[in-house]
PDB file of N, CA and C in Angstrom:
ATOM      1  N   UNK A   1     -39.359  -4.145   2.575  1.00  0.00           N
ATOM      2  CA  UNK A   1     -38.411  -3.081   2.834  1.00  0.00           C
ATOM      3  C   UNK A   1     -37.591  -2.835   1.578  1.00  0.00           C
ATOM      4  N   UNK A   2     -37.517  -1.607   1.177  1.00  0.00           N
ATOM      5  CA  UNK A   2     -36.811  -1.234  -0.050  1.00  0.00           C
ATOM      6  C   UNK A   2     -35.335  -0.989   0.247  1.00  0.00           C
ATOM      7  N   UNK A   3     -34.464  -1.520  -0.610  1.00  0.00           N
ATOM      8  CA  UNK A   3     -33.022  -1.311  -0.439  1.00  0.00           C
ATOM      9  C   UNK A   3     -32.674   0.139  -0.746  1.00  0.00           C
ATOM     10  N   UNK A   4     -31.774   0.684   0.052  1.00  0.00           N
ATOM     11  CA  UNK A   4     -31.346   2.065  -0.157  1.00  0.00           C
ATOM     12  C   UNK A   4     -30.427   2.130  -1.365  1.00  0.00           C
ATOM     13  N   UNK A   5     -30.676   3.074  -2.226  1.00  0.00           N
ATOM     14  CA  UNK A   5     -29.851   3.260  -3.418  1.00  0.00           C
ATOM     15  C   UNK A   5     -28.602   4.046  -3.025  1.00  0.00           C
ATOM     16  N   UNK A   6     -27.447   3.484  -3.342  1.00  0.00           N
ATOM     17  CA  UNK A   6     -26.184   4.122  -2.999  1.00  0.00           C
ATOM     18  C   UNK A   6     -25.644   4.847  -4.221  1.00  0.00           C
ATOM     19  N   UNK A   7     -25.258   6.087  -4.023  1.00  0.00           N
ATOM     20  CA  UNK A   7     -24.690   6.893  -5.098  1.00  0.00           C
ATOM     21  C   UNK A   7     -23.275   6.413  -5.401  1.00  0.00           C
ATOM     22  N   UNK A   8     -22.921   6.401  -6.690  1.00  0.00           N
ATOM     23  CA  UNK A   8     -21.571   6.056  -7.123  1.00  0.00           C
ATOM     24  C   UNK A   8     -20.943   7.259  -7.807  1.00  0.00           C
ATOM     25  N   UNK A   9     -19.627   7.309  -7.793  1.00  0.00           N
ATOM     26  CA  UNK A   9     -18.911   8.384  -8.476  1.00  0.00           C
ATOM     27  C   UNK A   9     -19.003   8.201  -9.982  1.00  0.00           C
ATOM     28  N   UNK A  10     -19.139   9.295 -10.711  1.00  0.00           N
ATOM     29  CA  UNK A  10     -19.147   9.261 -12.174  1.00  0.00           C
ATOM     30  C   UNK A  10     -17.721   9.074 -12.658  1.00  0.00           C
ATOM     31  N   UNK A  11     -17.553   8.239 -13.667  1.00  0.00           N
ATOM     32  CA  UNK A  11     -16.209   7.955 -14.175  1.00  0.00           C
ATOM     33  C   UNK A  11     -16.180   7.972 -15.691  1.00  0.00           C
ATOM     34  N   UNK A  12     -14.970   8.083 -16.196  1.00  0.00           N
ATOM     35  CA  UNK A  12     -14.676   7.842 -17.604  1.00  0.00           C
ATOM     36  C   UNK A  12     -13.696   6.684 -17.598  1.00  0.00           C
ATOM     37  N   UNK A  13     -13.953   5.662 -18.395  1.00  0.00           N
ATOM     38  CA  UNK A  13     -13.039   4.523 -18.449  1.00  0.00           C
ATOM     39  C   UNK A  13     -11.817   4.888 -19.264  1.00  0.00           C
ATOM     40  N   UNK A  14     -10.638   4.459 -18.779  1.00  0.00           N
ATOM     41  CA  UNK A  14      -9.418   4.717 -19.540  1.00  0.00           C
ATOM     42  C   UNK A  14      -9.127   3.529 -20.466  1.00  0.00           C
ATOM     43  N   UNK A  15      -8.057   3.614 -21.235  1.00  0.00           N
ATOM     44  CA  UNK A  15      -7.724   2.576 -22.216  1.00  0.00           C
ATOM     45  C   UNK A  15      -6.994   1.389 -21.597  1.00  0.00           C
ATOM     46  N   UNK A  16      -6.792   1.397 -20.295  1.00  0.00           N
ATOM     47  CA  UNK A  16      -5.977   0.377 -19.635  1.00  0.00           C
ATOM     48  C   UNK A  16      -6.755  -0.428 -18.599  1.00  0.00           C
ATOM     49  N   UNK A  17      -8.066  -0.382 -18.669  1.00  0.00           N
ATOM     50  CA  UNK A  17      -8.880  -1.150 -17.730  1.00  0.00           C
ATOM     51  C   UNK A  17      -9.136  -0.445 -16.413  1.00  0.00           C
ATOM     52  N   UNK A  18      -8.900   0.848 -16.386  1.00  0.00           N
ATOM     53  CA  UNK A  18      -9.121   1.624 -15.170  1.00  0.00           C
ATOM     54  C   UNK A  18     -10.190   2.676 -15.373  1.00  0.00           C
ATOM     55  N   UNK A  19     -10.331   3.523 -14.369  1.00  0.00           N
ATOM     56  CA  UNK A  19     -11.319   4.595 -14.432  1.00  0.00           C
ATOM     57  C   UNK A  19     -10.701   5.909 -13.977  1.00  0.00           C
ATOM     58  N   UNK A  20     -11.253   6.994 -14.493  1.00  0.00           N
ATOM     59  CA  UNK A  20     -10.835   8.341 -14.119  1.00  0.00           C
ATOM     60  C   UNK A  20     -12.040   9.037 -13.495  1.00  0.00           C
ATOM     61  N   UNK A  21     -11.857   9.515 -12.279  1.00  0.00           N
ATOM     62  CA  UNK A  21     -12.896  10.255 -11.565  1.00  0.00           C
ATOM     63  C   UNK A  21     -12.453  11.710 -11.519  1.00  0.00           C
ATOM     64  N   UNK A  22     -13.285  12.602 -12.010  1.00  0.00           N
ATOM     65  CA  UNK A  22     -12.972  14.023 -11.942  1.00  0.00           C
ATOM     66  C   UNK A  22     -14.120  14.736 -11.244  1.00  0.00           C
ATOM     67  N   UNK A  23     -13.793  15.448 -10.201  1.00  0.00           N
ATOM     68  CA  UNK A  23     -14.818  16.182  -9.456  1.00  0.00           C
ATOM     69  C   UNK A  23     -14.847  17.655  -9.828  1.00  0.00           C
ATOM     70  N   UNK A  24     -14.273  17.991 -10.981  1.00  0.00           N
ATOM     71  CA  UNK A  24     -14.165  19.394 -11.396  1.00  0.00           C
ATOM     72  C   UNK A  24     -15.499  20.115 -11.488  1.00  0.00           C
ATOM     73  N   UNK A  25     -16.534  19.432 -11.924  1.00  0.00           N
ATOM     74  CA  UNK A  25     -17.833  20.089 -12.108  1.00  0.00           C
ATOM     75  C   UNK A  25     -18.812  19.750 -10.993  1.00  0.00           C
ATOM     76  N   UNK A  26     -18.292  19.293  -9.860  1.00  0.00           N
ATOM     77  CA  UNK A  26     -19.127  18.903  -8.729  1.00  0.00           C
ATOM     78  C   UNK A  26     -19.044  19.944  -7.621  1.00  0.00           C
ATOM     79  N   UNK A  27     -20.124  20.079  -6.907  1.00  0.00           N
ATOM     80  CA  UNK A  27     -20.139  20.948  -5.731  1.00  0.00           C
ATOM     81  C   UNK A  27     -19.329  20.281  -4.618  1.00  0.00           C
ATOM     82  N   UNK A  28     -18.766  21.063  -3.703  1.00  0.00           N
ATOM     83  CA  UNK A  28     -18.044  20.466  -2.571  1.00  0.00           C
ATOM     84  C   UNK A  28     -18.946  19.502  -1.801  1.00  0.00           C
ATOM     85  N   UNK A  29     -18.327  18.454  -1.263  1.00  0.00           N
ATOM     86  CA  UNK A  29     -19.079  17.426  -0.551  1.00  0.00           C
ATOM     87  C   UNK A  29     -18.442  17.203   0.821  1.00  0.00           C
ATOM     88  N   UNK A  30     -19.264  16.869   1.787  1.00  0.00           N
ATOM     89  CA  UNK A  30     -18.812  16.542   3.133  1.00  0.00           C
ATOM     90  C   UNK A  30     -17.930  15.292   3.079  1.00  0.00           C
ATOM     91  N   UNK A  31     -16.876  15.255   3.886  1.00  0.00           N
ATOM     92  CA  UNK A  31     -15.934  14.137   3.834  1.00  0.00           C
ATOM     93  C   UNK A  31     -16.576  12.808   4.239  1.00  0.00           C
ATOM     94  N   UNK A  32     -17.528  12.812   5.166  1.00  0.00           N
ATOM     95  CA  UNK A  32     -18.205  11.567   5.560  1.00  0.00           C
ATOM     96  C   UNK A  32     -19.061  11.029   4.421  1.00  0.00           C
ATOM     97  N   UNK A  33     -19.780  11.912   3.746  1.00  0.00           N
ATOM     98  CA  UNK A  33     -20.581  11.493   2.603  1.00  0.00           C
ATOM     99  C   UNK A  33     -19.672  10.977   1.491  1.00  0.00           C
ATOM    100  N   UNK A  34     -18.581  11.683   1.228  1.00  0.00           N
ATOM    101  CA  UNK A  34     -17.645  11.248   0.194  1.00  0.00           C
ATOM    102  C   UNK A  34     -17.065   9.875   0.532  1.00  0.00           C
ATOM    103  N   UNK A  35     -16.766   9.625   1.782  1.00  0.00           N
ATOM    104  CA  UNK A  35     -16.232   8.335   2.205  1.00  0.00           C
ATOM    105  C   UNK A  35     -17.195   7.202   1.846  1.00  0.00           C
ATOM    106  N   UNK A  36     -18.481   7.399   2.101  1.00  0.00           N
ATOM    107  CA  UNK A  36     -19.493   6.383   1.776  1.00  0.00           C
ATOM    108  C   UNK A  36     -19.604   6.168   0.278  1.00  0.00           C
ATOM    109  N   UNK A  37     -19.614   7.262  -0.471  1.00  0.00           N
ATOM    110  CA  UNK A  37     -19.723   7.170  -1.932  1.00  0.00           C
ATOM    111  C   UNK A  37     -18.479   6.504  -2.509  1.00  0.00           C
ATOM    112  N   UNK A  38     -17.311   6.856  -1.993  1.00  0.00           N
ATOM    113  CA  UNK A  38     -16.066   6.272  -2.480  1.00  0.00           C
ATOM    114  C   UNK A  38     -16.009   4.778  -2.180  1.00  0.00           C
ATOM    115  N   UNK A  39     -16.419   4.380  -0.988  1.00  0.00           N
ATOM    116  CA  UNK A  39     -16.418   2.959  -0.626  1.00  0.00           C
ATOM    117  C   UNK A  39     -17.336   2.159  -1.549  1.00  0.00           C
ATOM    118  N   UNK A  40     -18.538   2.665  -1.794  1.00  0.00           N
ATOM    119  CA  UNK A  40     -19.475   1.977  -2.689  1.00  0.00           C
ATOM    120  C   UNK A  40     -18.917   1.914  -4.107  1.00  0.00           C
ATOM    121  N   UNK A  41     -18.290   2.996  -4.548  1.00  0.00           N
ATOM    122  CA  UNK A  41     -17.708   3.039  -5.891  1.00  0.00           C
ATOM    123  C   UNK A  41     -16.558   2.048  -6.011  1.00  0.00           C
ATOM    124  N   UNK A  42     -15.682   1.997  -4.996  1.00  0.00           N
ATOM    125  CA  UNK A  42     -14.557   1.057  -5.019  1.00  0.00           C
ATOM    126  C   UNK A  42     -15.062  -0.380  -5.083  1.00  0.00           C
ATOM    127  N   UNK A  43     -16.086  -0.707  -4.305  1.00  0.00           N
ATOM    128  CA  UNK A  43     -16.661  -2.056  -4.345  1.00  0.00           C
ATOM    129  C   UNK A  43     -17.197  -2.378  -5.732  1.00  0.00           C
ATOM    130  N   UNK A  44     -17.843  -1.408  -6.351  1.00  0.00           N
ATOM    131  CA  UNK A  44     -18.375  -1.584  -7.700  1.00  0.00           C
ATOM    132  C   UNK A  44     -17.248  -1.830  -8.700  1.00  0.00           C
ATOM    133  N   UNK A  45     -16.185  -1.048  -8.610  1.00  0.00           N
ATOM    134  CA  UNK A  45     -15.066  -1.202  -9.547  1.00  0.00           C
ATOM    135  C   UNK A  45     -14.334  -2.518  -9.331  1.00  0.00           C
ATOM    136  N   UNK A  46     -14.246  -2.972  -8.086  1.00  0.00           N
ATOM    137  CA  UNK A  46     -13.633  -4.282  -7.818  1.00  0.00           C
ATOM    138  C   UNK A  46     -14.446  -5.382  -8.480  1.00  0.00           C
ATOM    139  N   UNK A  47     -15.774  -5.313  -8.358  1.00  0.00           N
ATOM    140  CA  UNK A  47     -16.651  -6.305  -8.991  1.00  0.00           C
ATOM    141  C   UNK A  47     -16.500  -6.282 -10.507  1.00  0.00           C
ATOM    142  N   UNK A  48     -16.258  -5.102 -11.064  1.00  0.00           N
ATOM    143  CA  UNK A  48     -16.078  -4.959 -12.513  1.00  0.00           C
ATOM    144  C   UNK A  48     -14.652  -5.289 -12.951  1.00  0.00           C
ATOM    145  N   UNK A  49     -13.800  -5.625 -11.987  1.00  0.00           N
ATOM    146  CA  UNK A  49     -12.391  -5.962 -12.235  1.00  0.00           C
ATOM    147  C   UNK A  49     -11.611  -4.826 -12.892  1.00  0.00           C
ATOM    148  N   UNK A  50     -11.906  -3.627 -12.446  1.00  0.00           N
ATOM    149  CA  UNK A  50     -11.132  -2.473 -12.901  1.00  0.00           C
ATOM    150  C   UNK A  50      -9.747  -2.555 -12.280  1.00  0.00           C
ATOM    151  N   UNK A  51      -8.805  -1.873 -12.896  1.00  0.00           N
ATOM    152  CA  UNK A  51      -7.425  -1.937 -12.409  1.00  0.00           C
ATOM    153  C   UNK A  51      -7.067  -0.702 -11.599  1.00  0.00           C
ATOM    154  N   UNK A  52      -6.866   0.408 -12.269  1.00  0.00           N
ATOM    155  CA  UNK A  52      -6.447   1.615 -11.576  1.00  0.00           C
ATOM    156  C   UNK A  52      -7.551   2.650 -11.503  1.00  0.00           C
ATOM    157  N   UNK A  53      -7.502   3.441 -10.447  1.00  0.00           N
ATOM    158  CA  UNK A  53      -8.440   4.547 -10.284  1.00  0.00           C
ATOM    159  C   UNK A  53      -7.628   5.833 -10.190  1.00  0.00           C
ATOM    160  N   UNK A  54      -7.928   6.766 -11.060  1.00  0.00           N
ATOM    161  CA  UNK A  54      -7.332   8.107 -11.048  1.00  0.00           C
ATOM    162  C   UNK A  54      -8.382   9.034 -10.456  1.00  0.00           C
ATOM    163  N   UNK A  55      -8.037   9.747  -9.409  1.00  0.00           N
ATOM    164  CA  UNK A  55      -8.974  10.645  -8.733  1.00  0.00           C
ATOM    165  C   UNK A  55      -8.436  12.067  -8.811  1.00  0.00           C
ATOM    166  N   UNK A  56      -9.086  12.890  -9.627  1.00  0.00           N
ATOM    167  CA  UNK A  56      -8.661  14.276  -9.830  1.00  0.00           C
ATOM    168  C   UNK A  56      -9.473  15.184  -8.911  1.00  0.00           C
ATOM    169  N   UNK A  57      -8.771  15.782  -7.938  1.00  0.00           N
ATOM    170  CA  UNK A  57      -9.435  16.632  -6.950  1.00  0.00           C
ATOM    171  C   UNK A  57      -9.036  18.089  -7.121  1.00  0.00           C
ATOM    172  N   UNK A  58      -9.953  18.931  -7.572  1.00  0.00           N
ATOM    173  CA  UNK A  58      -9.674  20.366  -7.637  1.00  0.00           C
ATOM    174  C   UNK A  58      -9.488  20.933  -6.223  1.00  0.00           C
ATOM    175  N   UNK A  59      -8.858  22.078  -6.137  1.00  0.00           N
ATOM    176  CA  UNK A  59      -8.630  22.737  -4.843  1.00  0.00           C
ATOM    177  C   UNK A  59      -9.930  22.872  -4.054  1.00  0.00           C
ATOM    178  N   UNK A  60     -11.019  23.113  -4.738  1.00  0.00           N
ATOM    179  CA  UNK A  60     -12.325  23.254  -4.093  1.00  0.00           C
ATOM    180  C   UNK A  60     -12.677  22.028  -3.250  1.00  0.00           C
ATOM    181  N   UNK A  61     -12.091  20.875  -3.573  1.00  0.00           N
ATOM    182  CA  UNK A  61     -12.378  19.617  -2.870  1.00  0.00           C
ATOM    183  C   UNK A  61     -11.231  19.176  -1.961  1.00  0.00           C
ATOM    184  N   UNK A  62     -10.389  20.102  -1.556  1.00  0.00           N
ATOM    185  CA  UNK A  62      -9.230  19.740  -0.728  1.00  0.00           C
ATOM    186  C   UNK A  62      -9.630  19.124   0.614  1.00  0.00           C
ATOM    187  N   UNK A  63     -10.856  19.349   1.051  1.00  0.00           N
ATOM    188  CA  UNK A  63     -11.315  18.778   2.322  1.00  0.00           C
ATOM    189  C   UNK A  63     -11.439  17.257   2.287  1.00  0.00           C
ATOM    190  N   UNK A  64     -11.423  16.638   1.105  1.00  0.00           N
ATOM    191  CA  UNK A  64     -11.591  15.182   1.035  1.00  0.00           C
ATOM    192  C   UNK A  64     -10.300  14.444   0.685  1.00  0.00           C
ATOM    193  N   UNK A  65      -9.184  15.155   0.621  1.00  0.00           N
ATOM    194  CA  UNK A  65      -7.900  14.497   0.335  1.00  0.00           C
ATOM    195  C   UNK A  65      -7.607  13.446   1.403  1.00  0.00           C
ATOM    196  N   UNK A  66      -7.751  13.813   2.659  1.00  0.00           N
ATOM    197  CA  UNK A  66      -7.469  12.878   3.755  1.00  0.00           C
ATOM    198  C   UNK A  66      -8.355  11.636   3.660  1.00  0.00           C
ATOM    199  N   UNK A  67      -9.611  11.824   3.308  1.00  0.00           N
ATOM    200  CA  UNK A  67     -10.546  10.710   3.164  1.00  0.00           C
ATOM    201  C   UNK A  67     -10.073   9.752   2.075  1.00  0.00           C
ATOM    202  N   UNK A  68      -9.631  10.296   0.950  1.00  0.00           N
ATOM    203  CA  UNK A  68      -9.149   9.456  -0.149  1.00  0.00           C
ATOM    204  C   UNK A  68      -7.878   8.706   0.251  1.00  0.00           C
ATOM    205  N   UNK A  69      -6.971   9.379   0.943  1.00  0.00           N
ATOM    206  CA  UNK A  69      -5.727   8.734   1.384  1.00  0.00           C
ATOM    207  C   UNK A  69      -6.039   7.606   2.370  1.00  0.00           C
ATOM    208  N   UNK A  70      -6.982   7.828   3.277  1.00  0.00           N
ATOM    209  CA  UNK A  70      -7.387   6.767   4.211  1.00  0.00           C
ATOM    210  C   UNK A  70      -7.980   5.576   3.473  1.00  0.00           C
ATOM    211  N   UNK A  71      -8.543   5.806   2.292  1.00  0.00           N
ATOM    212  CA  UNK A  71      -9.135   4.736   1.484  1.00  0.00           C
ATOM    213  C   UNK A  71      -8.098   4.057   0.587  1.00  0.00           C
ATOM    214  N   UNK A  72      -6.824   4.408   0.753  1.00  0.00           N
ATOM    215  CA  UNK A  72      -5.771   3.728   0.005  1.00  0.00           C
ATOM    216  C   UNK A  72      -5.222   4.466  -1.190  1.00  0.00           C
ATOM    217  N   UNK A  73      -5.681   5.682  -1.424  1.00  0.00           N
ATOM    218  CA  UNK A  73      -5.162   6.459  -2.550  1.00  0.00           C
ATOM    219  C   UNK A  73      -3.808   7.060  -2.193  1.00  0.00           C
ATOM    220  N   UNK A  74      -2.978   7.228  -3.229  1.00  0.00           N
ATOM    221  CA  UNK A  74      -1.651   7.828  -3.068  1.00  0.00           C
ATOM    222  C   UNK A  74      -1.537   9.019  -4.006  1.00  0.00           C
ATOM    223  N   UNK A  75      -0.663   9.943  -3.635  1.00  0.00           N
ATOM    224  CA  UNK A  75      -0.417  11.097  -4.503  1.00  0.00           C
ATOM    225  C   UNK A  75       0.274  10.643  -5.784  1.00  0.00           C
ATOM    226  N   UNK A  76      -0.169  11.167  -6.916  1.00  0.00           N
ATOM    227  CA  UNK A  76       0.516  10.931  -8.183  1.00  0.00           C
ATOM    228  C   UNK A  76       1.219  12.203  -8.634  1.00  0.00           C
ATOM    229  N   UNK A  77       0.448  13.287  -8.732  1.00  0.00           N
ATOM    230  CA  UNK A  77       1.041  14.583  -9.061  1.00  0.00           C
ATOM    231  C   UNK A  77       0.083  15.705  -8.669  1.00  0.00           C
ATOM    232  N   UNK A  78       0.628  16.899  -8.684  1.00  0.00           N
ATOM    233  CA  UNK A  78      -0.180  18.074  -8.358  1.00  0.00           C
ATOM    234  C   UNK A  78       0.123  19.179  -9.350  1.00  0.00           C
ATOM    235  N   UNK A  79      -0.878  19.932  -9.646  1.00  0.00           N
ATOM    236  CA  UNK A  79      -0.779  21.131 -10.475  1.00  0.00           C
ATOM    237  C   UNK A  79      -1.367  22.270  -9.642  1.00  0.00           C
ATOM    238  N   UNK A  80      -1.208  23.513 -10.080  1.00  0.00           N
ATOM    239  CA  UNK A  80      -1.725  24.623  -9.268  1.00  0.00           C
ATOM    240  C   UNK A  80      -3.214  24.524  -8.928  1.00  0.00           C
ATOM    241  N   UNK A  81      -4.016  23.923  -9.799  1.00  0.00           N
ATOM    242  CA  UNK A  81      -5.460  23.915  -9.573  1.00  0.00           C
ATOM    243  C   UNK A  81      -6.029  22.573  -9.107  1.00  0.00           C
ATOM    244  N   UNK A  82      -5.214  21.504  -9.078  1.00  0.00           N
ATOM    245  CA  UNK A  82      -5.753  20.204  -8.671  1.00  0.00           C
ATOM    246  C   UNK A  82      -4.660  19.269  -8.163  1.00  0.00           C
ATOM    247  N   UNK A  83      -5.118  18.206  -7.505  1.00  0.00           N
ATOM    248  CA  UNK A  83      -4.261  17.124  -7.039  1.00  0.00           C
ATOM    249  C   UNK A  83      -4.750  15.839  -7.694  1.00  0.00           C
ATOM    250  N   UNK A  84      -3.838  15.033  -8.227  1.00  0.00           N
ATOM    251  CA  UNK A  84      -4.205  13.744  -8.819  1.00  0.00           C
ATOM    252  C   UNK A  84      -3.755  12.642  -7.870  1.00  0.00           C
ATOM    253  N   UNK A  85      -4.716  11.824  -7.459  1.00  0.00           N
ATOM    254  CA  UNK A  85      -4.449  10.681  -6.593  1.00  0.00           C
ATOM    255  C   UNK A  85      -4.720   9.405  -7.380  1.00  0.00           C
ATOM    256  N   UNK A  86      -4.063   8.311  -7.000  1.00  0.00           N
ATOM    257  CA  UNK A  86      -4.263   7.039  -7.688  1.00  0.00           C
ATOM    258  C   UNK A  86      -4.419   5.909  -6.680  1.00  0.00           C
ATOM    259  N   UNK A  87      -5.130   4.875  -7.116  1.00  0.00           N
ATOM    260  CA  UNK A  87      -5.229   3.646  -6.321  1.00  0.00           C
ATOM    261  C   UNK A  87      -5.277   2.468  -7.274  1.00  0.00           C
ATOM    262  N   UNK A  88      -4.434   1.483  -7.010  1.00  0.00           N
ATOM    263  CA  UNK A  88      -4.385   0.256  -7.796  1.00  0.00           C
ATOM    264  C   UNK A  88      -5.256  -0.772  -7.093  1.00  0.00           C
ATOM    265  N   UNK A  89      -6.169  -1.402  -7.805  1.00  0.00           N
ATOM    266  CA  UNK A  89      -7.122  -2.320  -7.192  1.00  0.00           C
ATOM    267  C   UNK A  89      -6.616  -3.767  -7.130  1.00  0.00           C
ATOM    268  N   UNK A  90      -6.091  -4.340  -8.228  1.00  0.00           N
ATOM    269  CA  UNK A  90      -5.691  -5.758  -8.174  1.00  0.00           C
ATOM    270  C   UNK A  90      -4.548  -6.021  -7.189  1.00  0.00           C
ATOM    271  N   UNK A  91      -4.364  -7.292  -6.866  1.00  0.00           N
ATOM    272  CA  UNK A  91      -3.277  -7.713  -5.977  1.00  0.00           C
ATOM    273  C   UNK A  91      -1.999  -7.948  -6.777  1.00  0.00           C
ATOM    274  N   UNK A  92      -1.734  -7.119  -7.743  1.00  0.00           N
ATOM    275  CA  UNK A  92      -0.539  -7.202  -8.579  1.00  0.00           C
ATOM    276  C   UNK A  92       0.181  -5.860  -8.500  1.00  0.00           C
ATOM    277  N   UNK A  93       1.463  -5.813  -8.891  1.00  0.00           N
ATOM    278  CA  UNK A  93       2.154  -4.515  -8.892  1.00  0.00           C
ATOM    279  C   UNK A  93       1.435  -3.526  -9.814  1.00  0.00           C
ATOM    280  N   UNK A  94       1.350  -2.276  -9.375  1.00  0.00           N
ATOM    281  CA  UNK A  94       0.645  -1.291 -10.201  1.00  0.00           C
ATOM    282  C   UNK A  94       1.460  -0.943 -11.443  1.00  0.00           C
ATOM    283  N   UNK A  95       0.748  -0.518 -12.462  1.00  0.00           N
ATOM    284  CA  UNK A  95       1.384  -0.123 -13.723  1.00  0.00           C
ATOM    285  C   UNK A  95       1.091   1.335 -14.054  1.00  0.00           C
ATOM    286  N   UNK A  96       0.838   2.138 -13.029  1.00  0.00           N
ATOM    287  CA  UNK A  96       0.635   3.563 -13.271  1.00  0.00           C
ATOM    288  C   UNK A  96       1.919   4.159 -13.841  1.00  0.00           C
ATOM    289  N   UNK A  97       1.761   5.015 -14.818  1.00  0.00           N
ATOM    290  CA  UNK A  97       2.930   5.701 -15.361  1.00  0.00           C
ATOM    291  C   UNK A  97       3.388   6.765 -14.367  1.00  0.00           C
ATOM    292  N   UNK A  98       4.690   6.989 -14.354  1.00  0.00           N
ATOM    293  CA  UNK A  98       5.224   8.048 -13.496  1.00  0.00           C
ATOM    294  C   UNK A  98       4.839   9.396 -14.086  1.00  0.00           C
ATOM    295  N   UNK A  99       4.736  10.391 -13.237  1.00  0.00           N
ATOM    296  CA  UNK A  99       4.449  11.732 -13.717  1.00  0.00           C
ATOM    297  C   UNK A  99       5.702  12.324 -14.348  1.00  0.00           C
ATOM    298  N   UNK A 100       5.522  13.094 -15.388  1.00  0.00           N
ATOM    299  CA  UNK A 100       6.661  13.761 -16.028  1.00  0.00           C
ATOM    300  C   UNK A 100       7.295  14.722 -15.032  1.00  0.00           C
ATOM    301  N   UNK A 101       8.607  14.675 -14.934  1.00  0.00           N
ATOM    302  CA  UNK A 101       9.286  15.556 -13.987  1.00  0.00           C
ATOM    303  C   UNK A 101      10.110  16.632 -14.678  1.00  0.00           C
ATOM    304  N   UNK A 102      10.218  16.558 -16.005  1.00  0.00           N
ATOM    305  CA  UNK A 102      11.002  17.533 -16.758  1.00  0.00           C
ATOM    306  C   UNK A 102      10.258  17.912 -18.032  1.00  0.00           C
ATOM    307  N   UNK A 103      10.523  19.108 -18.478  1.00  0.00           N
ATOM    308  CA  UNK A 103       9.996  19.561 -19.768  1.00  0.00           C
ATOM    309  C   UNK A 103      11.160  20.109 -20.557  1.00  0.00           C
ATOM    310  N   UNK A 104      11.213  19.740 -21.801  1.00  0.00           N
ATOM    311  CA  UNK A 104      12.305  20.190 -22.657  1.00  0.00           C
ATOM    312  C   UNK A 104      11.721  21.067 -23.747  1.00  0.00           C
ATOM    313  N   UNK A 105      12.295  22.239 -23.905  1.00  0.00           N
ATOM    314  CA  UNK A 105      11.851  23.147 -24.954  1.00  0.00           C
ATOM    315  C   UNK A 105      12.918  23.265 -26.024  1.00  0.00           C
ATOM    316  N   UNK A 106      12.489  23.525 -27.222  1.00  0.00           N
ATOM    317  CA  UNK A 106      13.418  23.716 -28.334  1.00  0.00           C
ATOM    318  C   UNK A 106      13.205  25.122 -28.862  1.00  0.00           C
ATOM    319  N   UNK A 107      14.303  25.861 -28.977  1.00  0.00           N
ATOM    320  CA  UNK A 107      14.206  27.243 -29.453  1.00  0.00           C
ATOM    321  C   UNK A 107      14.497  27.315 -30.935  1.00  0.00           C
TER     322      UNK A 107
END
């Protein structure tokens, strides 16, 4: 019997031992399928001892926000075209940077 190959999310590794997942160039996905892919990906990242996961969800993927939150992701920030969610994997306090809340201009 052949083992079923499980799809994993594509990532870019960050400079802090974490990964960034961007679904910007992906077609919309069913929330149940995304849940399975996310679970397999999280297990893979835990085995690799990754720290933080940044999940960038364009508006086109708003149907899977609830799925990500159920998997332990929290809101980090939002822009008009996307929502950024984060999840800290280790059993230590997270070191995610806070989102900028102010912009200063010089005339």
